[in-house]
């Protein structure tokens, strides 16, 4: 969820290897709900945490599929392209829309 990176390395028996890994590009997201700030947040098909998201879990940069389910069962699905830095969205459960702030 926070991102994956794969690299193929071949090491022969008895050899040692040292790998340097570049910093993983990530952004911090803030996500709130209205009229209620309660619900479950799924990202790319996996549970992330409950609303509100307060930027504590960095997400890999790139486009992710979000599904937010409110306390009444109303679901709002949307794509969010995460960039470095901080971004904020508000899910309006009454209209099913997502607003950038």
PDB file of N, CA and C in Angstrom:
ATOM      1  N   UNK A   1       0.821  -1.194   0.000  1.00  0.00           N
ATOM      2  CA  UNK A   1       0.000   0.000   0.000  1.00  0.00           C
ATOM      3  C   UNK A   1       0.859   1.250   0.000  1.00  0.00           C
ATOM      4  N   UNK A   2       1.879   1.202   0.792  1.00  0.00           N
ATOM      5  CA  UNK A   2       2.767   2.357   0.804  1.00  0.00           C
ATOM      6  C   UNK A   2       3.662   2.351  -0.419  1.00  0.00           C
ATOM      7  N   UNK A   3       3.567   1.303  -1.203  1.00  0.00           N
ATOM      8  CA  UNK A   3       4.352   1.193  -2.413  1.00  0.00           C
ATOM      9  C   UNK A   3       5.254  -0.015  -2.378  1.00  0.00           C
ATOM     10  N   UNK A   4       5.593  -0.497  -3.541  1.00  0.00           N
ATOM     11  CA  UNK A   4       6.501  -1.629  -3.632  1.00  0.00           C
ATOM     12  C   UNK A   4       7.575  -1.318  -4.661  1.00  0.00           C
ATOM     13  N   UNK A   5       8.660  -1.987  -4.502  1.00  0.00           N
ATOM     14  CA  UNK A   5       9.756  -1.844  -5.447  1.00  0.00           C
ATOM     15  C   UNK A   5      10.406  -3.208  -5.559  1.00  0.00           C
ATOM     16  N   UNK A   6      10.670  -3.633  -6.767  1.00  0.00           N
ATOM     17  CA  UNK A   6      11.316  -4.922  -6.982  1.00  0.00           C
ATOM     18  C   UNK A   6      12.629  -4.723  -7.707  1.00  0.00           C
ATOM     19  N   UNK A   7      13.598  -5.511  -7.318  1.00  0.00           N
ATOM     20  CA  UNK A   7      14.875  -5.509  -7.995  1.00  0.00           C
ATOM     21  C   UNK A   7      15.426  -6.920  -7.951  1.00  0.00           C
ATOM     22  N   UNK A   8      15.894  -7.409  -9.076  1.00  0.00           N
ATOM     23  CA  UNK A   8      16.416  -8.763  -9.151  1.00  0.00           C
ATOM     24  C   UNK A   8      17.921  -8.735  -8.910  1.00  0.00           C
ATOM     25  N   UNK A   9      18.366  -9.573  -7.986  1.00  0.00           N
ATOM     26  CA  UNK A   9      19.782  -9.639  -7.630  1.00  0.00           C
ATOM     27  C   UNK A   9      20.203 -11.098  -7.619  1.00  0.00           C
ATOM     28  N   UNK A  10      21.337 -11.388  -8.208  1.00  0.00           N
ATOM     29  CA  UNK A  10      21.879 -12.739  -8.187  1.00  0.00           C
ATOM     30  C   UNK A  10      23.122 -12.747  -7.300  1.00  0.00           C
ATOM     31  N   UNK A  11      23.101 -13.604  -6.293  1.00  0.00           N
ATOM     32  CA  UNK A  11      24.239 -13.722  -5.378  1.00  0.00           C
ATOM     33  C   UNK A  11      24.661 -15.186  -5.353  1.00  0.00           C
ATOM     34  N   UNK A  12      25.919 -15.425  -5.600  1.00  0.00           N
ATOM     35  CA  UNK A  12      26.439 -16.791  -5.575  1.00  0.00           C
ATOM     36  C   UNK A  12      26.781 -17.189  -4.148  1.00  0.00           C
ATOM     37  N   UNK A  13      26.752 -18.468  -3.887  1.00  0.00           N
ATOM     38  CA  UNK A  13      27.095 -18.996  -2.564  1.00  0.00           C
ATOM     39  C   UNK A  13      28.470 -18.492  -2.143  1.00  0.00           C
ATOM     40  N   UNK A  14      28.534 -17.971  -0.921  1.00  0.00           N
ATOM     41  CA  UNK A  14      29.800 -17.488  -0.389  1.00  0.00           C
ATOM     42  C   UNK A  14      30.082 -16.027  -0.704  1.00  0.00           C
ATOM     43  N   UNK A  15      29.296 -15.416  -1.584  1.00  0.00           N
ATOM     44  CA  UNK A  15      29.498 -14.010  -1.914  1.00  0.00           C
ATOM     45  C   UNK A  15      28.678 -13.128  -0.979  1.00  0.00           C
ATOM     46  N   UNK A  16      29.105 -11.893  -0.864  1.00  0.00           N
ATOM     47  CA  UNK A  16      28.353 -10.907  -0.102  1.00  0.00           C
ATOM     48  C   UNK A  16      27.858  -9.842  -1.061  1.00  0.00           C
ATOM     49  N   UNK A  17      26.763  -9.222  -0.688  1.00  0.00           N
ATOM     50  CA  UNK A  17      26.221  -8.160  -1.524  1.00  0.00           C
ATOM     51  C   UNK A  17      25.799  -6.999  -0.637  1.00  0.00           C
ATOM     52  N   UNK A  18      25.954  -5.814  -1.161  1.00  0.00           N
ATOM     53  CA  UNK A  18      25.514  -4.613  -0.468  1.00  0.00           C
ATOM     54  C   UNK A  18      24.595  -3.868  -1.425  1.00  0.00           C
ATOM     55  N   UNK A  19      23.393  -3.570  -0.953  1.00  0.00           N
ATOM     56  CA  UNK A  19      22.421  -2.876  -1.799  1.00  0.00           C
ATOM     57  C   UNK A  19      22.136  -1.496  -1.234  1.00  0.00           C
ATOM     58  N   UNK A  20      22.104  -0.524  -2.102  1.00  0.00           N
ATOM     59  CA  UNK A  20      21.701   0.816  -1.701  1.00  0.00           C
ATOM     60  C   UNK A  20      20.338   1.067  -2.328  1.00  0.00           C
ATOM     61  N   UNK A  21      19.399   1.489  -1.507  1.00  0.00           N
ATOM     62  CA  UNK A  21      18.044   1.719  -1.982  1.00  0.00           C
ATOM     63  C   UNK A  21      17.733   3.209  -1.890  1.00  0.00           C
ATOM     64  N   UNK A  22      17.285   3.760  -2.997  1.00  0.00           N
ATOM     65  CA  UNK A  22      16.921   5.175  -3.023  1.00  0.00           C
ATOM     66  C   UNK A  22      15.672   5.397  -2.180  1.00  0.00           C
ATOM     67  N   UNK A  23      15.523   6.597  -1.681  1.00  0.00           N
ATOM     68  CA  UNK A  23      14.333   6.938  -0.900  1.00  0.00           C
ATOM     69  C   UNK A  23      13.088   6.704  -1.743  1.00  0.00           C
ATOM     70  N   UNK A  24      12.053   6.195  -1.098  1.00  0.00           N
ATOM     71  CA  UNK A  24      10.812   5.887  -1.794  1.00  0.00           C
ATOM     72  C   UNK A  24       9.965   7.154  -1.873  1.00  0.00           C
ATOM     73  N   UNK A  25       9.574   7.589  -3.075  1.00  0.00           N
ATOM     74  CA  UNK A  25       8.779   8.811  -3.180  1.00  0.00           C
ATOM     75  C   UNK A  25       7.374   8.597  -2.613  1.00  0.00           C
ATOM     76  N   UNK A  26       6.987   9.447  -1.682  1.00  0.00           N
ATOM     77  CA  UNK A  26       5.684   9.308  -1.037  1.00  0.00           C
ATOM     78  C   UNK A  26       5.109  10.685  -0.742  1.00  0.00           C
ATOM     79  N   UNK A  27       3.813  10.703  -0.486  1.00  0.00           N
ATOM     80  CA  UNK A  27       3.122  11.933  -0.104  1.00  0.00           C
ATOM     81  C   UNK A  27       2.273  11.680   1.130  1.00  0.00           C
ATOM     82  N   UNK A  28       1.905  12.754   1.799  1.00  0.00           N
ATOM     83  CA  UNK A  28       1.052  12.653   2.985  1.00  0.00           C
ATOM     84  C   UNK A  28      -0.343  13.113   2.602  1.00  0.00           C
ATOM     85  N   UNK A  29      -1.343  12.304   2.956  1.00  0.00           N
ATOM     86  CA  UNK A  29      -2.717  12.632   2.606  1.00  0.00           C
ATOM     87  C   UNK A  29      -3.559  12.896   3.840  1.00  0.00           C
ATOM     88  N   UNK A  30      -4.430  13.857   3.683  1.00  0.00           N
ATOM     89  CA  UNK A  30      -5.402  14.218   4.703  1.00  0.00           C
ATOM     90  C   UNK A  30      -6.774  14.033   4.064  1.00  0.00           C
ATOM     91  N   UNK A  31      -7.607  13.202   4.669  1.00  0.00           N
ATOM     92  CA  UNK A  31      -8.915  12.887   4.094  1.00  0.00           C
ATOM     93  C   UNK A  31      -9.959  12.977   5.187  1.00  0.00           C
ATOM     94  N   UNK A  32     -10.987  13.755   4.914  1.00  0.00           N
ATOM     95  CA  UNK A  32     -12.049  13.984   5.886  1.00  0.00           C
ATOM     96  C   UNK A  32     -13.398  13.664   5.251  1.00  0.00           C
ATOM     97  N   UNK A  33     -14.391  13.427   6.081  1.00  0.00           N
ATOM     98  CA  UNK A  33     -15.740  13.171   5.597  1.00  0.00           C
ATOM     99  C   UNK A  33     -16.696  14.239   6.074  1.00  0.00           C
ATOM    100  N   UNK A  34     -17.767  14.462   5.280  1.00  0.00           N
ATOM    101  CA  UNK A  34     -18.838  15.336   5.730  1.00  0.00           C
ATOM    102  C   UNK A  34     -20.156  14.759   5.239  1.00  0.00           C
ATOM    103  N   UNK A  35     -21.241  14.888   5.880  1.00  0.00           N
ATOM    104  CA  UNK A  35     -21.449  15.629   7.121  1.00  0.00           C
ATOM    105  C   UNK A  35     -20.896  14.913   8.351  1.00  0.00           C
ATOM    106  N   UNK A  36     -20.412  13.691   8.192  1.00  0.00           N
ATOM    107  CA  UNK A  36     -19.815  12.979   9.325  1.00  0.00           C
ATOM    108  C   UNK A  36     -18.382  12.613   8.982  1.00  0.00           C
ATOM    109  N   UNK A  37     -17.491  12.728   9.939  1.00  0.00           N
ATOM    110  CA  UNK A  37     -16.074  12.445   9.730  1.00  0.00           C
ATOM    111  C   UNK A  37     -15.759  11.058  10.269  1.00  0.00           C
ATOM    112  N   UNK A  38     -16.523  10.061   9.786  1.00  0.00           N
ATOM    113  CA  UNK A  38     -16.406   8.691  10.264  1.00  0.00           C
ATOM    114  C   UNK A  38     -16.524   7.774   9.056  1.00  0.00           C
ATOM    115  N   UNK A  39     -15.775   6.700   9.025  1.00  0.00           N
ATOM    116  CA  UNK A  39     -15.855   5.750   7.930  1.00  0.00           C
ATOM    117  C   UNK A  39     -14.573   4.965   7.781  1.00  0.00           C
ATOM    118  N   UNK A  40     -14.611   3.987   6.884  1.00  0.00           N
ATOM    119  CA  UNK A  40     -13.466   3.120   6.604  1.00  0.00           C
ATOM    120  C   UNK A  40     -12.861   3.514   5.256  1.00  0.00           C
ATOM    121  N   UNK A  41     -11.528   3.533   5.187  1.00  0.00           N
ATOM    122  CA  UNK A  41     -10.827   3.917   3.967  1.00  0.00           C
ATOM    123  C   UNK A  41     -10.072   2.720   3.415  1.00  0.00           C
ATOM    124  N   UNK A  42     -10.371   2.375   2.168  1.00  0.00           N
ATOM    125  CA  UNK A  42      -9.659   1.330   1.435  1.00  0.00           C
ATOM    126  C   UNK A  42      -8.838   2.021   0.343  1.00  0.00           C
ATOM    127  N   UNK A  43      -7.612   1.567   0.157  1.00  0.00           N
ATOM    128  CA  UNK A  43      -6.759   2.098  -0.903  1.00  0.00           C
ATOM    129  C   UNK A  43      -6.217   0.919  -1.692  1.00  0.00           C
ATOM    130  N   UNK A  44      -6.470   0.945  -2.989  1.00  0.00           N
ATOM    131  CA  UNK A  44      -6.025  -0.126  -3.882  1.00  0.00           C
ATOM    132  C   UNK A  44      -6.476  -1.494  -3.384  1.00  0.00           C
ATOM    133  N   UNK A  45      -7.697  -1.555  -2.839  1.00  0.00           N
ATOM    134  CA  UNK A  45      -8.286  -2.817  -2.418  1.00  0.00           C
ATOM    135  C   UNK A  45      -7.910  -3.294  -1.029  1.00  0.00           C
ATOM    136  N   UNK A  46      -7.097  -2.521  -0.298  1.00  0.00           N
ATOM    137  CA  UNK A  46      -6.687  -2.908   1.052  1.00  0.00           C
ATOM    138  C   UNK A  46      -7.114  -1.840   2.053  1.00  0.00           C
ATOM    139  N   UNK A  47      -7.539  -2.299   3.240  1.00  0.00           N
ATOM    140  CA  UNK A  47      -7.916  -1.364   4.296  1.00  0.00           C
ATOM    141  C   UNK A  47      -6.703  -0.543   4.718  1.00  0.00           C
ATOM    142  N   UNK A  48      -6.878   0.779   4.790  1.00  0.00           N
ATOM    143  CA  UNK A  48      -5.802   1.658   5.242  1.00  0.00           C
ATOM    144  C   UNK A  48      -6.017   2.042   6.704  1.00  0.00           C
ATOM    145  N   UNK A  49      -7.104   2.743   6.990  1.00  0.00           N
ATOM    146  CA  UNK A  49      -7.463   3.120   8.349  1.00  0.00           C
ATOM    147  C   UNK A  49      -8.818   3.809   8.320  1.00  0.00           C
ATOM    148  N   UNK A  50      -9.305   4.193   9.476  1.00  0.00           N
ATOM    149  CA  UNK A  50     -10.584   4.896   9.573  1.00  0.00           C
ATOM    150  C   UNK A  50     -10.398   6.386   9.326  1.00  0.00           C
ATOM    151  N   UNK A  51     -11.482   7.034   8.856  1.00  0.00           N
ATOM    152  CA  UNK A  51     -11.485   8.490   8.764  1.00  0.00           C
ATOM    153  C   UNK A  51     -11.382   9.087  10.160  1.00  0.00           C
ATOM    154  N   UNK A  52     -10.806  10.224  10.312  1.00  0.00           N
ATOM    155  CA  UNK A  52     -10.102  11.004   9.308  1.00  0.00           C
ATOM    156  C   UNK A  52      -8.670  10.515   9.120  1.00  0.00           C
ATOM    157  N   UNK A  53      -8.132  10.727   7.913  1.00  0.00           N
ATOM    158  CA  UNK A  53      -6.710  10.465   7.681  1.00  0.00           C
ATOM    159  C   UNK A  53      -5.977  11.764   7.987  1.00  0.00           C
ATOM    160  N   UNK A  54      -5.019  11.706   8.854  1.00  0.00           N
ATOM    161  CA  UNK A  54      -4.311  12.911   9.296  1.00  0.00           C
ATOM    162  C   UNK A  54      -2.859  12.956   8.851  1.00  0.00           C
ATOM    163  N   UNK A  55      -2.556  12.349   7.705  1.00  0.00           N
ATOM    164  CA  UNK A  55      -1.215  12.429   7.151  1.00  0.00           C
ATOM    165  C   UNK A  55      -0.177  11.562   7.839  1.00  0.00           C
ATOM    166  N   UNK A  56      -0.610  10.652   8.712  1.00  0.00           N
ATOM    167  CA  UNK A  56       0.357   9.842   9.457  1.00  0.00           C
ATOM    168  C   UNK A  56       0.864   8.639   8.669  1.00  0.00           C
ATOM    169  N   UNK A  57       0.128   8.232   7.628  1.00  0.00           N
ATOM    170  CA  UNK A  57       0.540   7.083   6.822  1.00  0.00           C
ATOM    171  C   UNK A  57       0.921   7.563   5.424  1.00  0.00           C
ATOM    172  N   UNK A  58       2.215   7.668   5.121  1.00  0.00           N
ATOM    173  CA  UNK A  58       2.601   8.111   3.779  1.00  0.00           C
ATOM    174  C   UNK A  58       2.180   7.083   2.727  1.00  0.00           C
ATOM    175  N   UNK A  59       1.781   7.576   1.573  1.00  0.00           N
ATOM    176  CA  UNK A  59       1.414   6.707   0.451  1.00  0.00           C
ATOM    177  C   UNK A  59       2.348   6.964  -0.722  1.00  0.00           C
ATOM    178  N   UNK A  60       2.631   5.918  -1.472  1.00  0.00           N
ATOM    179  CA  UNK A  60       3.509   6.030  -2.636  1.00  0.00           C
ATOM    180  C   UNK A  60       2.923   7.016  -3.639  1.00  0.00           C
ATOM    181  N   UNK A  61       3.795   7.802  -4.267  1.00  0.00           N
ATOM    182  CA  UNK A  61       3.322   8.712  -5.292  1.00  0.00           C
ATOM    183  C   UNK A  61       2.757   7.894  -6.449  1.00  0.00           C
ATOM    184  N   UNK A  62       1.816   8.487  -7.152  1.00  0.00           N
ATOM    185  CA  UNK A  62       1.151   7.808  -8.257  1.00  0.00           C
ATOM    186  C   UNK A  62      -0.355   7.785  -8.012  1.00  0.00           C
ATOM    187  N   UNK A  63      -1.080   7.156  -8.908  1.00  0.00           N
ATOM    188  CA  UNK A  63      -2.534   7.123  -8.833  1.00  0.00           C
ATOM    189  C   UNK A  63      -3.006   5.910  -8.057  1.00  0.00           C
ATOM    190  N   UNK A  64      -3.907   6.145  -7.102  1.00  0.00           N
ATOM    191  CA  UNK A  64      -4.463   5.093  -6.250  1.00  0.00           C
ATOM    192  C   UNK A  64      -5.980   5.129  -6.303  1.00  0.00           C
ATOM    193  N   UNK A  65      -6.600   3.962  -6.122  1.00  0.00           N
ATOM    194  CA  UNK A  65      -8.049   3.837  -6.047  1.00  0.00           C
ATOM    195  C   UNK A  65      -8.470   3.882  -4.588  1.00  0.00           C
ATOM    196  N   UNK A  66      -9.279   4.857  -4.224  1.00  0.00           N
ATOM    197  CA  UNK A  66      -9.802   5.001  -2.867  1.00  0.00           C
ATOM    198  C   UNK A  66     -11.274   4.604  -2.867  1.00  0.00           C
ATOM    199  N   UNK A  67     -11.701   3.895  -1.830  1.00  0.00           N
ATOM    200  CA  UNK A  67     -13.108   3.633  -1.568  1.00  0.00           C
ATOM    201  C   UNK A  67     -13.328   3.952  -0.100  1.00  0.00           C
ATOM    202  N   UNK A  68     -14.217   4.903   0.156  1.00  0.00           N
ATOM    203  CA  UNK A  68     -14.523   5.311   1.523  1.00  0.00           C
ATOM    204  C   UNK A  68     -15.965   4.903   1.807  1.00  0.00           C
ATOM    205  N   UNK A  69     -16.166   4.152   2.882  1.00  0.00           N
ATOM    206  CA  UNK A  69     -17.498   3.702   3.280  1.00  0.00           C
ATOM    207  C   UNK A  69     -17.876   4.406   4.572  1.00  0.00           C
ATOM    208  N   UNK A  70     -18.980   5.172   4.511  1.00  0.00           N
ATOM    209  CA  UNK A  70     -19.453   5.919   5.666  1.00  0.00           C
ATOM    210  C   UNK A  70     -20.170   5.023   6.663  1.00  0.00           C
ATOM    211  N   UNK A  71     -20.531   5.558   7.806  1.00  0.00           N
ATOM    212  CA  UNK A  71     -21.169   4.770   8.860  1.00  0.00           C
ATOM    213  C   UNK A  71     -22.538   4.211   8.469  1.00  0.00           C
ATOM    214  N   UNK A  72     -23.191   4.820   7.460  1.00  0.00           N
ATOM    215  CA  UNK A  72     -24.493   4.318   7.017  1.00  0.00           C
ATOM    216  C   UNK A  72     -24.358   3.308   5.876  1.00  0.00           C
ATOM    217  N   UNK A  73     -23.118   3.031   5.455  1.00  0.00           N
ATOM    218  CA  UNK A  73     -22.874   2.096   4.365  1.00  0.00           C
ATOM    219  C   UNK A  73     -22.701   2.754   3.013  1.00  0.00           C
ATOM    220  N   UNK A  74     -22.903   4.070   2.921  1.00  0.00           N
ATOM    221  CA  UNK A  74     -22.707   4.802   1.659  1.00  0.00           C
ATOM    222  C   UNK A  74     -21.238   4.728   1.259  1.00  0.00           C
ATOM    223  N   UNK A  75     -20.987   4.309  -0.007  1.00  0.00           N
ATOM    224  CA  UNK A  75     -19.618   4.174  -0.509  1.00  0.00           C
ATOM    225  C   UNK A  75     -19.328   5.249  -1.531  1.00  0.00           C
ATOM    226  N   UNK A  76     -18.149   5.821  -1.428  1.00  0.00           N
ATOM    227  CA  UNK A  76     -17.689   6.806  -2.397  1.00  0.00           C
ATOM    228  C   UNK A  76     -16.337   6.322  -2.913  1.00  0.00           C
ATOM    229  N   UNK A  77     -16.259   6.100  -4.231  1.00  0.00           N
ATOM    230  CA  UNK A  77     -15.024   5.615  -4.857  1.00  0.00           C
ATOM    231  C   UNK A  77     -14.445   6.729  -5.734  1.00  0.00           C
ATOM    232  N   UNK A  78     -13.116   6.847  -5.707  1.00  0.00           N
ATOM    233  CA  UNK A  78     -12.462   7.871  -6.520  1.00  0.00           C
ATOM    234  C   UNK A  78     -10.989   7.541  -6.680  1.00  0.00           C
ATOM    235  N   UNK A  79     -10.388   8.106  -7.728  1.00  0.00           N
ATOM    236  CA  UNK A  79      -8.946   8.008  -7.939  1.00  0.00           C
ATOM    237  C   UNK A  79      -8.299   9.246  -7.341  1.00  0.00           C
ATOM    238  N   UNK A  80      -7.112   9.053  -6.783  1.00  0.00           N
ATOM    239  CA  UNK A  80      -6.372  10.173  -6.215  1.00  0.00           C
ATOM    240  C   UNK A  80      -4.926  10.008  -6.635  1.00  0.00           C
ATOM    241  N   UNK A  81      -4.403  10.988  -7.369  1.00  0.00           N
ATOM    242  CA  UNK A  81      -3.001  10.954  -7.768  1.00  0.00           C
ATOM    243  C   UNK A  81      -2.182  11.641  -6.681  1.00  0.00           C
ATOM    244  N   UNK A  82      -1.404  10.836  -5.975  1.00  0.00           N
ATOM    245  CA  UNK A  82      -0.601  11.315  -4.857  1.00  0.00           C
ATOM    246  C   UNK A  82       0.706  11.899  -5.383  1.00  0.00           C
ATOM    247  N   UNK A  83       1.024  13.076  -4.899  1.00  0.00           N
ATOM    248  CA  UNK A  83       2.302  13.729  -5.212  1.00  0.00           C
ATOM    249  C   UNK A  83       3.109  13.837  -3.923  1.00  0.00           C
ATOM    250  N   UNK A  84       4.344  14.211  -4.038  1.00  0.00           N
ATOM    251  CA  UNK A  84       5.138  14.475  -2.845  1.00  0.00           C
ATOM    252  C   UNK A  84       4.539  15.650  -2.084  1.00  0.00           C
ATOM    253  N   UNK A  85       4.750  15.710  -0.801  1.00  0.00           N
ATOM    254  CA  UNK A  85       4.179  16.788  -0.003  1.00  0.00           C
ATOM    255  C   UNK A  85       2.844  16.373   0.589  1.00  0.00           C
ATOM    256  N   UNK A  86       1.987  17.360   0.851  1.00  0.00           N
ATOM    257  CA  UNK A  86       0.702  17.103   1.495  1.00  0.00           C
ATOM    258  C   UNK A  86      -0.451  17.450   0.567  1.00  0.00           C
ATOM    259  N   UNK A  87      -1.529  16.667   0.646  1.00  0.00           N
ATOM    260  CA  UNK A  87      -2.742  16.912  -0.118  1.00  0.00           C
ATOM    261  C   UNK A  87      -3.940  16.631   0.776  1.00  0.00           C
ATOM    262  N   UNK A  88      -5.033  17.358   0.538  1.00  0.00           N
ATOM    263  CA  UNK A  88      -6.239  17.184   1.337  1.00  0.00           C
ATOM    264  C   UNK A  88      -7.450  17.011   0.439  1.00  0.00           C
ATOM    265  N   UNK A  89      -8.328  16.072   0.827  1.00  0.00           N
ATOM    266  CA  UNK A  89      -9.607  15.858   0.146  1.00  0.00           C
ATOM    267  C   UNK A  89     -10.692  15.723   1.206  1.00  0.00           C
ATOM    268  N   UNK A  90     -11.929  16.066   0.804  1.00  0.00           N
ATOM    269  CA  UNK A  90     -13.095  15.897   1.663  1.00  0.00           C
ATOM    270  C   UNK A  90     -14.124  15.080   0.895  1.00  0.00           C
ATOM    271  N   UNK A  91     -14.567  13.976   1.496  1.00  0.00           N
ATOM    272  CA  UNK A  91     -15.596  13.117   0.905  1.00  0.00           C
ATOM    273  C   UNK A  91     -16.949  13.590   1.434  1.00  0.00           C
ATOM    274  N   UNK A  92     -17.845  13.969   0.514  1.00  0.00           N
ATOM    275  CA  UNK A  92     -19.196  14.383   0.897  1.00  0.00           C
ATOM    276  C   UNK A  92     -20.109  13.177   0.715  1.00  0.00           C
ATOM    277  N   UNK A  93     -20.492  12.550   1.821  1.00  0.00           N
ATOM    278  CA  UNK A  93     -21.316  11.345   1.747  1.00  0.00           C
ATOM    279  C   UNK A  93     -22.723  11.628   1.237  1.00  0.00           C
ATOM    280  N   UNK A  94     -23.211  12.849   1.392  1.00  0.00           N
ATOM    281  CA  UNK A  94     -24.568  13.157   0.942  1.00  0.00           C
ATOM    282  C   UNK A  94     -24.652  13.292  -0.577  1.00  0.00           C
ATOM    283  N   UNK A  95     -23.570  13.767  -1.225  1.00  0.00           N
ATOM    284  CA  UNK A  95     -23.574  13.940  -2.688  1.00  0.00           C
ATOM    285  C   UNK A  95     -22.762  12.876  -3.419  1.00  0.00           C
ATOM    286  N   UNK A  96     -21.872  12.183  -2.687  1.00  0.00           N
ATOM    287  CA  UNK A  96     -20.982  11.212  -3.314  1.00  0.00           C
ATOM    288  C   UNK A  96     -19.810  11.838  -4.035  1.00  0.00           C
ATOM    289  N   UNK A  97     -19.568  13.122  -3.782  1.00  0.00           N
ATOM    290  CA  UNK A  97     -18.471  13.828  -4.427  1.00  0.00           C
ATOM    291  C   UNK A  97     -17.263  13.956  -3.516  1.00  0.00           C
ATOM    292  N   UNK A  98     -16.122  14.196  -4.139  1.00  0.00           N
ATOM    293  CA  UNK A  98     -14.872  14.400  -3.413  1.00  0.00           C
ATOM    294  C   UNK A  98     -14.332  15.777  -3.806  1.00  0.00           C
ATOM    295  N   UNK A  99     -14.019  16.558  -2.798  1.00  0.00           N
ATOM    296  CA  UNK A  99     -13.546  17.922  -3.027  1.00  0.00           C
ATOM    297  C   UNK A  99     -12.076  18.044  -2.633  1.00  0.00           C
ATOM    298  N   UNK A 100     -11.309  18.744  -3.464  1.00  0.00           N
ATOM    299  CA  UNK A 100      -9.909  19.048  -3.122  1.00  0.00           C
ATOM    300  C   UNK A 100      -9.885  20.313  -2.283  1.00  0.00           C
ATOM    301  N   UNK A 101      -9.042  20.331  -1.287  1.00  0.00           N
ATOM    302  CA  UNK A 101      -8.894  21.524  -0.425  1.00  0.00           C
ATOM    303  C   UNK A 101      -7.455  21.898  -0.327  1.00  0.00           C
TER     304      UNK A 101
END
